Amino acid sequence: MLFGPPGAGKGTQAHLLTGELQVPHISSGDLFRHNLKEKTPLGLRASEYMSQGLLVPDEVTIDIILDKVLSLESEQGFILDGFPRNQHQGEVLEEALEIRSRPLDKVVYIDVPEPELIRRLGGRYICRECQAPHTVEPGAAAGNCQRCGKQLYQRDDDRPEAVRKRIEVYRSETLPMLDFYRQRGLLAEVDGVDTVNAVYIGVLRALGWVSKSSDRE
């Protein structure tokens, strides 16, 4: 599981790890946005909270994540991103995985200070098609996705007023999860204030994984 505040780069690292480890990336945000794009009742309900920087209610979040996780083959790995966000969610996930006899191997905490988070989120744009994250400098045009060429946009929850609320909610509800996983001996910490590649190498080391890509060694 990738753990950290909004803007820490969890999504970027998850995309890199998916190619390296050949396992699916399960992002709570992506799942909710997919439902929103399809205008499902779940997506519309979730958007009411996401647009304000609030956490989606536990019962909605748990159902959609576990439905995805438990649909995988029992021996198949996965990367969790954005879930669990509080101890109740963590306990429910732990219980569900124990039933399937495949607990979490590692929780990697990407640590980034608050001023840097605010700077990053203010310039974060997402591809409408493939959901790849991009950084746009202040005053620059958003342009198109470097991966698929489609249009970029800024999510409502990346606007200044929502960003401040998201960080506040993270501090009060999600950050205490560090102790939850530290007590279970699963936590590894990585400095997130560096280049994407340097953080990626730190994440791989935290996982005890030797990269197959020589240019990342």
N, C-alpha and C. Protein backbone atom coordinates (compact mmCIF):
# COMPACT_ATOMS: atom_id res chain seq x y z
N MET A 1 0.84 -1.18 0.00
CA MET A 1 0.00 0.00 0.00
C MET A 1 0.88 1.24 0.00
N LEU A 2 0.52 2.23 -0.84
CA LEU A 2 1.21 3.52 -0.82
C LEU A 2 0.42 4.47 0.06
N PHE A 3 1.11 5.05 1.02
CA PHE A 3 0.46 5.89 2.03
C PHE A 3 1.11 7.26 2.03
N GLY A 4 0.31 8.30 2.22
CA GLY A 4 0.87 9.64 2.28
C GLY A 4 -0.21 10.67 2.04
N PRO A 5 0.12 11.94 2.23
CA PRO A 5 -0.85 13.02 2.07
C PRO A 5 -1.21 13.25 0.61
N PRO A 6 -2.31 13.98 0.35
CA PRO A 6 -2.63 14.35 -1.02
C PRO A 6 -1.51 15.19 -1.61
N GLY A 7 -1.06 14.83 -2.81
CA GLY A 7 0.05 15.57 -3.43
C GLY A 7 1.41 14.95 -3.18
N ALA A 8 1.47 13.84 -2.45
CA ALA A 8 2.76 13.21 -2.14
C ALA A 8 3.36 12.48 -3.34
N GLY A 9 2.54 12.22 -4.36
CA GLY A 9 3.04 11.52 -5.54
C GLY A 9 2.72 10.04 -5.55
N LYS A 10 1.70 9.63 -4.77
CA LYS A 10 1.34 8.21 -4.70
C LYS A 10 0.90 7.67 -6.06
N GLY A 11 0.10 8.46 -6.78
CA GLY A 11 -0.38 8.01 -8.08
C GLY A 11 0.74 7.82 -9.08
N THR A 12 1.68 8.77 -9.10
CA THR A 12 2.83 8.67 -10.01
C THR A 12 3.65 7.43 -9.70
N GLN A 13 3.94 7.21 -8.42
CA GLN A 13 4.73 6.04 -8.03
C GLN A 13 3.98 4.74 -8.31
N ALA A 14 2.67 4.75 -8.12
CA ALA A 14 1.88 3.56 -8.38
C ALA A 14 1.94 3.17 -9.86
N HIS A 15 1.89 4.18 -10.75
CA HIS A 15 1.98 3.89 -12.19
C HIS A 15 3.33 3.25 -12.52
N LEU A 16 4.41 3.74 -11.91
CA LEU A 16 5.73 3.16 -12.15
C LEU A 16 5.82 1.74 -11.60
N LEU A 17 5.29 1.54 -10.41
CA LEU A 17 5.34 0.22 -9.79
C LEU A 17 4.51 -0.81 -10.54
N THR A 18 3.40 -0.36 -11.13
CA THR A 18 2.54 -1.29 -11.88
C THR A 18 3.33 -1.93 -13.02
N GLY A 19 4.13 -1.11 -13.72
CA GLY A 19 4.95 -1.66 -14.79
C GLY A 19 6.07 -2.55 -14.28
N GLU A 20 6.66 -2.17 -13.16
CA GLU A 20 7.78 -2.92 -12.60
C GLU A 20 7.36 -4.25 -11.99
N LEU A 21 6.28 -4.22 -11.21
CA LEU A 21 5.86 -5.41 -10.48
C LEU A 21 4.84 -6.26 -11.22
N GLN A 22 4.26 -5.68 -12.29
CA GLN A 22 3.26 -6.39 -13.08
C GLN A 22 2.06 -6.82 -12.23
N VAL A 23 1.57 -5.88 -11.44
CA VAL A 23 0.37 -6.10 -10.64
C VAL A 23 -0.56 -4.91 -10.83
N PRO A 24 -1.86 -5.08 -10.63
CA PRO A 24 -2.80 -3.98 -10.84
C PRO A 24 -2.69 -2.88 -9.79
N HIS A 25 -2.98 -1.66 -10.21
CA HIS A 25 -3.01 -0.49 -9.34
C HIS A 25 -4.47 -0.22 -8.98
N ILE A 26 -4.79 -0.26 -7.70
CA ILE A 26 -6.15 -0.02 -7.24
C ILE A 26 -6.18 1.31 -6.52
N SER A 27 -6.74 2.31 -7.18
CA SER A 27 -6.82 3.66 -6.63
C SER A 27 -8.26 4.00 -6.30
N SER A 28 -8.50 4.36 -5.03
CA SER A 28 -9.87 4.72 -4.64
C SER A 28 -10.36 5.92 -5.44
N GLY A 29 -9.49 6.91 -5.63
CA GLY A 29 -9.88 8.10 -6.38
C GLY A 29 -10.25 7.78 -7.81
N ASP A 30 -9.43 6.93 -8.47
CA ASP A 30 -9.72 6.56 -9.86
C ASP A 30 -11.02 5.80 -9.97
N LEU A 31 -11.27 4.91 -9.00
CA LEU A 31 -12.52 4.15 -9.03
C LEU A 31 -13.73 5.06 -8.88
N PHE A 32 -13.62 6.03 -7.97
CA PHE A 32 -14.73 6.96 -7.79
C PHE A 32 -14.92 7.83 -9.03
N ARG A 33 -13.82 8.31 -9.60
CA ARG A 33 -13.93 9.17 -10.79
C ARG A 33 -14.47 8.41 -11.99
N HIS A 34 -14.15 7.11 -12.08
CA HIS A 34 -14.73 6.29 -13.15
C HIS A 34 -16.25 6.23 -13.00
N ASN A 35 -16.69 6.04 -11.75
CA ASN A 35 -18.13 5.99 -11.51
C ASN A 35 -18.77 7.35 -11.79
N LEU A 36 -18.04 8.41 -11.50
CA LEU A 36 -18.57 9.75 -11.78
C LEU A 36 -18.68 9.97 -13.29
N LYS A 37 -17.64 9.56 -14.03
CA LYS A 37 -17.65 9.72 -15.48
C LYS A 37 -18.82 8.96 -16.10
N GLU A 38 -19.12 7.79 -15.53
CA GLU A 38 -20.23 6.98 -16.04
C GLU A 38 -21.58 7.41 -15.45
N LYS A 39 -21.53 8.42 -14.55
CA LYS A 39 -22.73 8.97 -13.91
C LYS A 39 -23.54 7.91 -13.17
N THR A 40 -22.82 7.03 -12.47
CA THR A 40 -23.49 6.04 -11.64
C THR A 40 -23.95 6.71 -10.35
N PRO A 41 -24.92 6.14 -9.66
CA PRO A 41 -25.35 6.70 -8.37
C PRO A 41 -24.20 6.82 -7.38
N LEU A 42 -23.29 5.82 -7.38
CA LEU A 42 -22.14 5.85 -6.48
C LEU A 42 -21.23 7.01 -6.82
N GLY A 43 -20.98 7.24 -8.11
CA GLY A 43 -20.11 8.33 -8.52
C GLY A 43 -20.67 9.68 -8.17
N LEU A 44 -21.95 9.87 -8.38
CA LEU A 44 -22.57 11.15 -8.06
C LEU A 44 -22.56 11.40 -6.55
N ARG A 45 -22.77 10.35 -5.80
CA ARG A 45 -22.75 10.50 -4.34
C ARG A 45 -21.35 10.84 -3.85
N ALA A 46 -20.36 10.16 -4.40
CA ALA A 46 -18.98 10.41 -3.98
C ALA A 46 -18.52 11.81 -4.35
N SER A 47 -18.97 12.32 -5.50
CA SER A 47 -18.51 13.62 -5.98
C SER A 47 -18.93 14.75 -5.04
N GLU A 48 -20.02 14.59 -4.33
CA GLU A 48 -20.48 15.62 -3.40
C GLU A 48 -19.43 15.86 -2.31
N TYR A 49 -18.72 14.81 -1.93
CA TYR A 49 -17.70 14.91 -0.90
C TYR A 49 -16.34 15.29 -1.49
N MET A 50 -15.98 14.66 -2.61
CA MET A 50 -14.66 14.88 -3.22
C MET A 50 -14.47 16.32 -3.65
N SER A 51 -15.51 16.95 -4.18
CA SER A 51 -15.39 18.33 -4.67
C SER A 51 -15.13 19.32 -3.54
N GLN A 52 -15.44 18.92 -2.29
CA GLN A 52 -15.19 19.77 -1.13
C GLN A 52 -13.91 19.39 -0.39
N GLY A 53 -13.21 18.37 -0.91
CA GLY A 53 -12.00 17.91 -0.23
C GLY A 53 -12.29 17.02 0.96
N LEU A 54 -13.52 16.55 1.08
CA LEU A 54 -13.90 15.69 2.20
C LEU A 54 -13.73 14.22 1.82
N LEU A 55 -13.54 13.37 2.83
CA LEU A 55 -13.45 11.94 2.58
C LEU A 55 -14.84 11.38 2.25
N VAL A 56 -14.87 10.46 1.30
CA VAL A 56 -16.12 9.78 0.97
C VAL A 56 -16.48 8.88 2.16
N PRO A 57 -17.77 8.79 2.55
CA PRO A 57 -18.17 7.98 3.71
C PRO A 57 -17.64 6.55 3.64
N ASP A 58 -17.31 6.01 4.80
CA ASP A 58 -16.72 4.68 4.88
C ASP A 58 -17.50 3.61 4.14
N GLU A 59 -18.81 3.59 4.31
CA GLU A 59 -19.58 2.50 3.73
C GLU A 59 -19.49 2.48 2.21
N VAL A 60 -19.39 3.66 1.59
CA VAL A 60 -19.26 3.75 0.14
C VAL A 60 -17.85 3.33 -0.28
N THR A 61 -16.85 3.87 0.38
CA THR A 61 -15.45 3.59 0.05
C THR A 61 -15.13 2.11 0.22
N ILE A 62 -15.50 1.55 1.35
CA ILE A 62 -15.18 0.15 1.64
C ILE A 62 -15.79 -0.79 0.60
N ASP A 63 -17.05 -0.58 0.27
CA ASP A 63 -17.72 -1.47 -0.67
C ASP A 63 -17.05 -1.48 -2.03
N ILE A 64 -16.72 -0.30 -2.56
CA ILE A 64 -16.16 -0.24 -3.90
C ILE A 64 -14.73 -0.77 -3.95
N ILE A 65 -13.94 -0.53 -2.90
CA ILE A 65 -12.56 -1.02 -2.88
C ILE A 65 -12.51 -2.53 -2.69
N LEU A 66 -13.26 -3.05 -1.73
CA LEU A 66 -13.21 -4.49 -1.48
C LEU A 66 -13.79 -5.27 -2.64
N ASP A 67 -14.77 -4.70 -3.32
CA ASP A 67 -15.32 -5.37 -4.49
C ASP A 67 -14.23 -5.58 -5.54
N LYS A 68 -13.37 -4.58 -5.69
CA LYS A 68 -12.26 -4.67 -6.65
C LYS A 68 -11.17 -5.62 -6.15
N VAL A 69 -10.74 -5.44 -4.90
CA VAL A 69 -9.66 -6.26 -4.35
C VAL A 69 -10.03 -7.74 -4.34
N LEU A 70 -11.23 -8.04 -3.89
CA LEU A 70 -11.63 -9.43 -3.75
C LEU A 70 -12.03 -10.08 -5.07
N SER A 71 -12.07 -9.28 -6.13
CA SER A 71 -12.34 -9.85 -7.45
C SER A 71 -11.08 -10.44 -8.08
N LEU A 72 -9.92 -10.12 -7.50
CA LEU A 72 -8.65 -10.63 -8.02
C LEU A 72 -8.45 -12.08 -7.60
N GLU A 73 -7.63 -12.79 -8.36
CA GLU A 73 -7.27 -14.15 -7.97
C GLU A 73 -6.52 -14.10 -6.64
N SER A 74 -6.69 -15.13 -5.83
CA SER A 74 -6.13 -15.11 -4.48
C SER A 74 -4.62 -14.97 -4.45
N GLU A 75 -3.92 -15.45 -5.51
CA GLU A 75 -2.47 -15.35 -5.54
C GLU A 75 -1.97 -14.09 -6.23
N GLN A 76 -2.89 -13.28 -6.76
CA GLN A 76 -2.48 -12.08 -7.50
C GLN A 76 -2.20 -10.91 -6.56
N GLY A 77 -1.09 -10.23 -6.78
CA GLY A 77 -0.75 -9.07 -5.97
C GLY A 77 -1.49 -7.83 -6.45
N PHE A 78 -1.30 -6.73 -5.75
CA PHE A 78 -1.93 -5.46 -6.13
C PHE A 78 -1.26 -4.32 -5.38
N ILE A 79 -1.44 -3.11 -5.88
CA ILE A 79 -0.95 -1.90 -5.24
C ILE A 79 -2.16 -1.08 -4.83
N LEU A 80 -2.29 -0.80 -3.55
CA LEU A 80 -3.38 0.03 -3.04
C LEU A 80 -2.91 1.47 -2.94
N ASP A 81 -3.76 2.39 -3.37
CA ASP A 81 -3.43 3.82 -3.36
C ASP A 81 -4.66 4.60 -2.94
N GLY A 82 -4.58 5.27 -1.78
CA GLY A 82 -5.71 6.08 -1.32
C GLY A 82 -6.68 5.35 -0.43
N PHE A 83 -6.35 4.15 -0.01
CA PHE A 83 -7.20 3.36 0.88
C PHE A 83 -6.31 2.39 1.63
N PRO A 84 -6.55 2.20 2.92
CA PRO A 84 -7.56 2.82 3.79
C PRO A 84 -7.15 4.21 4.25
N ARG A 85 -8.15 5.01 4.65
CA ARG A 85 -7.90 6.38 5.09
C ARG A 85 -8.22 6.62 6.56
N ASN A 86 -8.66 5.62 7.24
CA ASN A 86 -8.85 5.73 8.69
C ASN A 86 -8.77 4.32 9.28
N GLN A 87 -8.74 4.25 10.61
CA GLN A 87 -8.52 2.95 11.24
C GLN A 87 -9.64 1.97 10.98
N HIS A 88 -10.88 2.45 10.93
CA HIS A 88 -12.00 1.54 10.65
C HIS A 88 -11.81 0.88 9.29
N GLN A 89 -11.47 1.67 8.26
CA GLN A 89 -11.23 1.11 6.94
C GLN A 89 -10.07 0.13 6.97
N GLY A 90 -9.02 0.48 7.74
CA GLY A 90 -7.86 -0.40 7.84
C GLY A 90 -8.21 -1.74 8.46
N GLU A 91 -9.04 -1.71 9.49
CA GLU A 91 -9.45 -2.95 10.16
C GLU A 91 -10.32 -3.81 9.26
N VAL A 92 -11.22 -3.18 8.51
CA VAL A 92 -12.08 -3.94 7.59
C VAL A 92 -11.24 -4.57 6.49
N LEU A 93 -10.29 -3.82 5.95
CA LEU A 93 -9.40 -4.36 4.91
C LEU A 93 -8.58 -5.52 5.46
N GLU A 94 -8.03 -5.35 6.64
CA GLU A 94 -7.21 -6.39 7.25
C GLU A 94 -8.01 -7.68 7.43
N GLU A 95 -9.23 -7.56 7.90
CA GLU A 95 -10.09 -8.73 8.10
C GLU A 95 -10.42 -9.41 6.78
N ALA A 96 -10.72 -8.60 5.74
CA ALA A 96 -11.06 -9.18 4.44
C ALA A 96 -9.87 -9.92 3.83
N LEU A 97 -8.67 -9.35 3.97
CA LEU A 97 -7.49 -9.98 3.40
C LEU A 97 -7.09 -11.23 4.17
N GLU A 98 -7.33 -11.25 5.47
CA GLU A 98 -7.03 -12.45 6.26
C GLU A 98 -7.89 -13.62 5.82
N ILE A 99 -9.13 -13.32 5.47
CA ILE A 99 -10.04 -14.37 5.00
C ILE A 99 -9.51 -14.98 3.71
N ARG A 100 -8.91 -14.14 2.87
CA ARG A 100 -8.34 -14.62 1.61
C ARG A 100 -6.89 -15.10 1.77
N SER A 101 -6.36 -15.04 2.97
CA SER A 101 -4.99 -15.50 3.28
C SER A 101 -3.93 -14.77 2.48
N ARG A 102 -4.09 -13.46 2.30
CA ARG A 102 -3.06 -12.68 1.61
C ARG A 102 -2.99 -11.28 2.22
N PRO A 103 -2.38 -11.13 3.38
CA PRO A 103 -2.30 -9.83 4.03
C PRO A 103 -1.37 -8.88 3.28
N LEU A 104 -1.40 -7.61 3.65
CA LEU A 104 -0.48 -6.64 3.07
C LEU A 104 0.96 -7.03 3.37
N ASP A 105 1.84 -6.84 2.38
CA ASP A 105 3.26 -7.11 2.58
C ASP A 105 3.98 -5.90 3.17
N LYS A 106 3.61 -4.70 2.69
CA LYS A 106 4.33 -3.50 3.10
C LYS A 106 3.45 -2.27 2.90
N VAL A 107 3.61 -1.30 3.80
CA VAL A 107 2.96 0.00 3.67
C VAL A 107 4.06 1.04 3.54
N VAL A 108 4.15 1.67 2.36
CA VAL A 108 5.21 2.64 2.09
C VAL A 108 4.65 4.05 2.26
N TYR A 109 5.19 4.77 3.25
CA TYR A 109 4.76 6.13 3.54
C TYR A 109 5.66 7.12 2.82
N ILE A 110 5.09 7.89 1.89
CA ILE A 110 5.82 8.92 1.16
C ILE A 110 5.61 10.24 1.89
N ASP A 111 6.67 10.72 2.53
CA ASP A 111 6.59 11.88 3.42
C ASP A 111 6.94 13.17 2.67
N VAL A 112 5.99 14.13 2.66
CA VAL A 112 6.19 15.43 2.02
C VAL A 112 5.63 16.52 2.93
N PRO A 113 6.38 17.59 3.23
CA PRO A 113 5.88 18.66 4.11
C PRO A 113 4.74 19.45 3.47
N GLU A 114 3.93 20.07 4.32
CA GLU A 114 2.71 20.73 3.87
C GLU A 114 2.92 21.84 2.84
N PRO A 115 3.90 22.75 3.01
CA PRO A 115 4.07 23.79 1.98
C PRO A 115 4.32 23.23 0.59
N GLU A 116 5.08 22.16 0.52
CA GLU A 116 5.35 21.53 -0.78
C GLU A 116 4.08 20.88 -1.35
N LEU A 117 3.25 20.32 -0.48
CA LEU A 117 1.99 19.73 -0.94
C LEU A 117 1.09 20.78 -1.58
N ILE A 118 0.98 21.93 -0.93
CA ILE A 118 0.13 23.00 -1.44
C ILE A 118 0.64 23.48 -2.79
N ARG A 119 1.96 23.61 -2.92
CA ARG A 119 2.55 24.04 -4.20
C ARG A 119 2.26 23.03 -5.29
N ARG A 120 2.45 21.76 -4.98
CA ARG A 120 2.25 20.71 -5.98
C ARG A 120 0.78 20.62 -6.43
N LEU A 121 -0.11 20.61 -5.47
CA LEU A 121 -1.52 20.42 -5.80
C LEU A 121 -2.07 21.58 -6.61
N GLY A 122 -1.54 22.79 -6.36
CA GLY A 122 -2.01 23.94 -7.12
C GLY A 122 -1.70 23.83 -8.61
N GLY A 123 -0.66 23.06 -8.94
CA GLY A 123 -0.29 22.91 -10.35
C GLY A 123 -0.57 21.52 -10.89
N ARG A 124 -1.37 20.73 -10.17
CA ARG A 124 -1.63 19.36 -10.63
C ARG A 124 -2.84 19.31 -11.55
N TYR A 125 -2.62 18.71 -12.71
CA TYR A 125 -3.69 18.49 -13.67
C TYR A 125 -3.74 17.00 -14.02
N ILE A 126 -4.92 16.55 -14.43
CA ILE A 126 -5.15 15.14 -14.71
C ILE A 126 -5.66 14.96 -16.13
N CYS A 127 -5.24 13.89 -16.77
CA CYS A 127 -5.75 13.59 -18.11
C CYS A 127 -7.18 13.08 -18.02
N ARG A 128 -8.06 13.63 -18.84
CA ARG A 128 -9.47 13.19 -18.83
C ARG A 128 -9.63 11.75 -19.28
N GLU A 129 -8.69 11.28 -20.09
CA GLU A 129 -8.83 9.94 -20.67
C GLU A 129 -8.15 8.87 -19.82
N CYS A 130 -6.82 9.01 -19.58
CA CYS A 130 -6.07 7.94 -18.91
C CYS A 130 -5.77 8.24 -17.44
N GLN A 131 -6.16 9.41 -16.96
CA GLN A 131 -6.01 9.81 -15.56
C GLN A 131 -4.55 10.00 -15.13
N ALA A 132 -3.63 10.11 -16.08
CA ALA A 132 -2.23 10.34 -15.73
C ALA A 132 -2.06 11.74 -15.14
N PRO A 133 -1.32 11.87 -14.02
CA PRO A 133 -1.11 13.19 -13.41
C PRO A 133 -0.03 13.99 -14.13
N HIS A 134 -0.19 15.31 -14.20
CA HIS A 134 0.79 16.21 -14.81
C HIS A 134 0.96 17.43 -13.92
N THR A 135 2.13 18.06 -14.00
CA THR A 135 2.38 19.29 -13.27
C THR A 135 2.42 20.45 -14.26
N VAL A 136 1.62 21.49 -14.00
CA VAL A 136 1.57 22.67 -14.85
C VAL A 136 2.04 23.87 -14.04
N GLU A 137 3.04 24.57 -14.53
CA GLU A 137 3.58 25.72 -13.81
C GLU A 137 2.55 26.86 -13.78
N PRO A 138 2.59 27.69 -12.71
CA PRO A 138 1.64 28.81 -12.59
C PRO A 138 1.67 29.71 -13.82
N GLY A 139 0.48 30.01 -14.36
CA GLY A 139 0.37 30.89 -15.52
C GLY A 139 0.51 30.19 -16.86
N ALA A 140 0.94 28.92 -16.85
CA ALA A 140 1.11 28.18 -18.10
C ALA A 140 -0.20 27.53 -18.52
N ALA A 141 -0.35 27.28 -19.82
CA ALA A 141 -1.53 26.59 -20.33
C ALA A 141 -1.45 25.11 -19.96
N ALA A 142 -2.61 24.52 -19.70
CA ALA A 142 -2.64 23.12 -19.27
C ALA A 142 -2.13 22.17 -20.36
N GLY A 143 -2.47 22.44 -21.61
CA GLY A 143 -1.99 21.59 -22.71
C GLY A 143 -2.67 20.23 -22.73
N ASN A 144 -1.96 19.25 -23.32
CA ASN A 144 -2.51 17.91 -23.46
C ASN A 144 -1.64 16.88 -22.75
N CYS A 145 -2.19 15.71 -22.55
CA CYS A 145 -1.52 14.62 -21.84
C CYS A 145 -0.28 14.15 -22.61
N GLN A 146 0.83 13.99 -21.90
CA GLN A 146 2.06 13.52 -22.51
C GLN A 146 2.00 12.03 -22.83
N ARG A 147 1.06 11.34 -22.22
CA ARG A 147 0.95 9.89 -22.43
C ARG A 147 0.03 9.54 -23.59
N CYS A 148 -1.18 10.13 -23.61
CA CYS A 148 -2.15 9.75 -24.64
C CYS A 148 -2.61 10.91 -25.52
N GLY A 149 -2.18 12.15 -25.19
CA GLY A 149 -2.51 13.30 -26.02
C GLY A 149 -3.87 13.92 -25.76
N LYS A 150 -4.62 13.40 -24.81
CA LYS A 150 -5.95 13.93 -24.53
C LYS A 150 -5.86 15.16 -23.63
N GLN A 151 -7.01 15.79 -23.42
CA GLN A 151 -7.08 17.05 -22.68
C GLN A 151 -6.78 16.87 -21.19
N LEU A 152 -6.07 17.85 -20.62
CA LEU A 152 -5.82 17.88 -19.18
C LEU A 152 -6.85 18.79 -18.50
N TYR A 153 -7.13 18.50 -17.25
CA TYR A 153 -8.04 19.35 -16.48
C TYR A 153 -7.62 19.33 -15.02
N GLN A 154 -8.06 20.34 -14.26
CA GLN A 154 -7.78 20.38 -12.83
C GLN A 154 -9.02 19.95 -12.07
N ARG A 155 -8.87 18.95 -11.21
CA ARG A 155 -10.00 18.45 -10.44
C ARG A 155 -10.46 19.51 -9.44
N ASP A 156 -11.74 19.46 -9.11
CA ASP A 156 -12.29 20.40 -8.13
C ASP A 156 -11.56 20.30 -6.80
N ASP A 157 -11.14 19.06 -6.43
CA ASP A 157 -10.50 18.89 -5.13
C ASP A 157 -9.02 19.28 -5.14
N ASP A 158 -8.52 19.79 -6.28
CA ASP A 158 -7.16 20.33 -6.33
C ASP A 158 -7.16 21.86 -6.35
N ARG A 159 -8.32 22.47 -6.26
CA ARG A 159 -8.40 23.93 -6.19
C ARG A 159 -8.06 24.37 -4.77
N PRO A 160 -7.53 25.60 -4.59
CA PRO A 160 -6.97 26.04 -3.31
C PRO A 160 -7.83 25.78 -2.08
N GLU A 161 -9.12 26.13 -2.14
CA GLU A 161 -9.95 25.98 -0.95
C GLU A 161 -10.15 24.50 -0.58
N ALA A 162 -10.27 23.64 -1.61
CA ALA A 162 -10.43 22.22 -1.35
C ALA A 162 -9.12 21.58 -0.89
N VAL A 163 -7.99 22.06 -1.40
CA VAL A 163 -6.68 21.53 -1.01
C VAL A 163 -6.45 21.71 0.48
N ARG A 164 -6.73 22.90 0.98
CA ARG A 164 -6.53 23.15 2.41
C ARG A 164 -7.39 22.22 3.25
N LYS A 165 -8.62 21.99 2.81
CA LYS A 165 -9.52 21.11 3.54
C LYS A 165 -9.03 19.67 3.48
N ARG A 166 -8.54 19.23 2.32
CA ARG A 166 -8.05 17.87 2.17
C ARG A 166 -6.88 17.60 3.11
N ILE A 167 -5.96 18.57 3.21
CA ILE A 167 -4.80 18.39 4.09
C ILE A 167 -5.24 18.35 5.55
N GLU A 168 -6.19 19.20 5.90
CA GLU A 168 -6.71 19.21 7.27
C GLU A 168 -7.35 17.87 7.62
N VAL A 169 -8.16 17.35 6.71
CA VAL A 169 -8.81 16.06 6.94
C VAL A 169 -7.78 14.94 7.02
N TYR A 170 -6.76 15.01 6.17
CA TYR A 170 -5.70 14.00 6.19
C TYR A 170 -5.00 13.98 7.55
N ARG A 171 -4.66 15.16 8.06
CA ARG A 171 -3.96 15.24 9.35
C ARG A 171 -4.79 14.64 10.47
N SER A 172 -6.09 14.92 10.48
CA SER A 172 -6.93 14.50 11.59
C SER A 172 -7.39 13.05 11.49
N GLU A 173 -7.65 12.55 10.26
CA GLU A 173 -8.26 11.24 10.12
C GLU A 173 -7.32 10.16 9.57
N THR A 174 -6.41 10.54 8.69
CA THR A 174 -5.59 9.53 8.01
C THR A 174 -4.20 9.38 8.61
N LEU A 175 -3.56 10.47 8.98
CA LEU A 175 -2.20 10.40 9.51
C LEU A 175 -2.06 9.45 10.70
N PRO A 176 -3.06 9.35 11.60
CA PRO A 176 -2.94 8.39 12.71
C PRO A 176 -2.77 6.94 12.25
N MET A 177 -3.07 6.65 10.97
CA MET A 177 -2.89 5.29 10.46
C MET A 177 -1.42 4.87 10.43
N LEU A 178 -0.51 5.85 10.51
CA LEU A 178 0.91 5.50 10.56
C LEU A 178 1.19 4.57 11.74
N ASP A 179 0.68 4.91 12.90
CA ASP A 179 0.90 4.07 14.07
C ASP A 179 0.22 2.71 13.93
N PHE A 180 -0.94 2.68 13.28
CA PHE A 180 -1.68 1.43 13.05
C PHE A 180 -0.80 0.43 12.31
N TYR A 181 -0.11 0.90 11.25
CA TYR A 181 0.73 0.00 10.47
C TYR A 181 2.13 -0.15 11.05
N ARG A 182 2.59 0.86 11.79
CA ARG A 182 3.89 0.73 12.45
C ARG A 182 3.83 -0.39 13.50
N GLN A 183 2.73 -0.46 14.23
CA GLN A 183 2.55 -1.50 15.25
C GLN A 183 2.51 -2.89 14.64
N ARG A 184 2.13 -2.99 13.38
CA ARG A 184 2.05 -4.28 12.70
C ARG A 184 3.35 -4.62 11.97
N GLY A 185 4.35 -3.74 12.09
CA GLY A 185 5.65 -4.00 11.47
C GLY A 185 5.65 -3.91 9.96
N LEU A 186 4.69 -3.16 9.40
CA LEU A 186 4.56 -3.08 7.95
C LEU A 186 5.07 -1.76 7.37
N LEU A 187 5.33 -0.78 8.21
CA LEU A 187 5.58 0.57 7.72
C LEU A 187 7.03 0.80 7.30
N ALA A 188 7.20 1.41 6.13
CA ALA A 188 8.50 1.88 5.65
C ALA A 188 8.32 3.31 5.19
N GLU A 189 9.26 4.20 5.53
CA GLU A 189 9.13 5.62 5.21
C GLU A 189 10.12 6.02 4.12
N VAL A 190 9.61 6.84 3.18
CA VAL A 190 10.42 7.31 2.05
C VAL A 190 10.29 8.83 1.96
N ASP A 191 11.41 9.52 1.77
CA ASP A 191 11.39 10.97 1.60
C ASP A 191 10.81 11.29 0.22
N GLY A 192 9.69 12.05 0.20
CA GLY A 192 9.02 12.35 -1.05
C GLY A 192 9.44 13.66 -1.68
N VAL A 193 10.40 14.38 -1.07
CA VAL A 193 10.86 15.66 -1.63
C VAL A 193 12.13 15.41 -2.43
N ASP A 194 11.95 14.95 -3.65
CA ASP A 194 13.07 14.65 -4.54
C ASP A 194 12.50 14.44 -5.92
N THR A 195 13.34 14.06 -6.87
CA THR A 195 12.85 13.78 -8.21
C THR A 195 11.97 12.53 -8.18
N VAL A 196 11.12 12.39 -9.19
CA VAL A 196 10.26 11.22 -9.28
C VAL A 196 11.09 9.94 -9.27
N ASN A 197 12.21 9.96 -10.01
CA ASN A 197 13.04 8.77 -10.10
C ASN A 197 13.70 8.43 -8.76
N ALA A 198 14.16 9.46 -8.04
CA ALA A 198 14.81 9.23 -6.74
C ALA A 198 13.80 8.66 -5.74
N VAL A 199 12.59 9.20 -5.74
CA VAL A 199 11.56 8.67 -4.84
C VAL A 199 11.23 7.23 -5.22
N TYR A 200 11.16 6.97 -6.52
CA TYR A 200 10.86 5.62 -7.01
C TYR A 200 11.90 4.61 -6.52
N ILE A 201 13.17 4.99 -6.60
CA ILE A 201 14.23 4.10 -6.12
C ILE A 201 14.06 3.86 -4.62
N GLY A 202 13.68 4.91 -3.87
CA GLY A 202 13.44 4.75 -2.45
C GLY A 202 12.30 3.80 -2.16
N VAL A 203 11.25 3.89 -2.97
CA VAL A 203 10.10 2.99 -2.79
C VAL A 203 10.50 1.55 -3.08
N LEU A 204 11.25 1.35 -4.16
CA LEU A 204 11.70 -0.01 -4.49
C LEU A 204 12.56 -0.59 -3.37
N ARG A 205 13.43 0.23 -2.81
CA ARG A 205 14.27 -0.25 -1.72
C ARG A 205 13.42 -0.60 -0.50
N ALA A 206 12.40 0.20 -0.24
CA ALA A 206 11.51 -0.07 0.89
C ALA A 206 10.79 -1.40 0.71
N LEU A 207 10.55 -1.77 -0.55
CA LEU A 207 9.88 -3.03 -0.85
C LEU A 207 10.87 -4.19 -0.94
N GLY A 208 12.16 -3.87 -0.88
CA GLY A 208 13.17 -4.92 -1.02
C GLY A 208 13.23 -5.47 -2.42
N TRP A 209 12.92 -4.61 -3.40
CA TRP A 209 12.82 -5.03 -4.80
C TRP A 209 13.98 -4.46 -5.60
N VAL A 210 14.62 -5.30 -6.43
CA VAL A 210 15.69 -4.85 -7.31
C VAL A 210 15.07 -4.54 -8.66
N SER A 211 15.19 -3.30 -9.09
CA SER A 211 14.58 -2.87 -10.35
C SER A 211 15.14 -3.62 -11.54
N LYS A 212 14.25 -3.97 -12.46
CA LYS A 212 14.66 -4.63 -13.71
C LYS A 212 15.15 -3.60 -14.73
N SER A 213 14.94 -2.31 -14.42
CA SER A 213 15.33 -1.26 -15.35
C SER A 213 16.71 -0.74 -14.96
N SER A 214 17.71 -1.01 -15.73
CA SER A 214 19.09 -0.64 -15.36
C SER A 214 19.27 0.84 -15.19
N ASP A 215 18.46 1.66 -15.91
CA ASP A 215 18.64 3.10 -15.82
C ASP A 215 18.10 3.66 -14.51
N ARG A 216 17.49 2.82 -13.69
CA ARG A 216 16.99 3.29 -12.41
C ARG A 216 17.90 2.84 -11.26
N GLU A 217 18.90 2.11 -11.57
CA GLU A 217 19.81 1.61 -10.52
C GLU A 217 20.72 2.72 -10.04
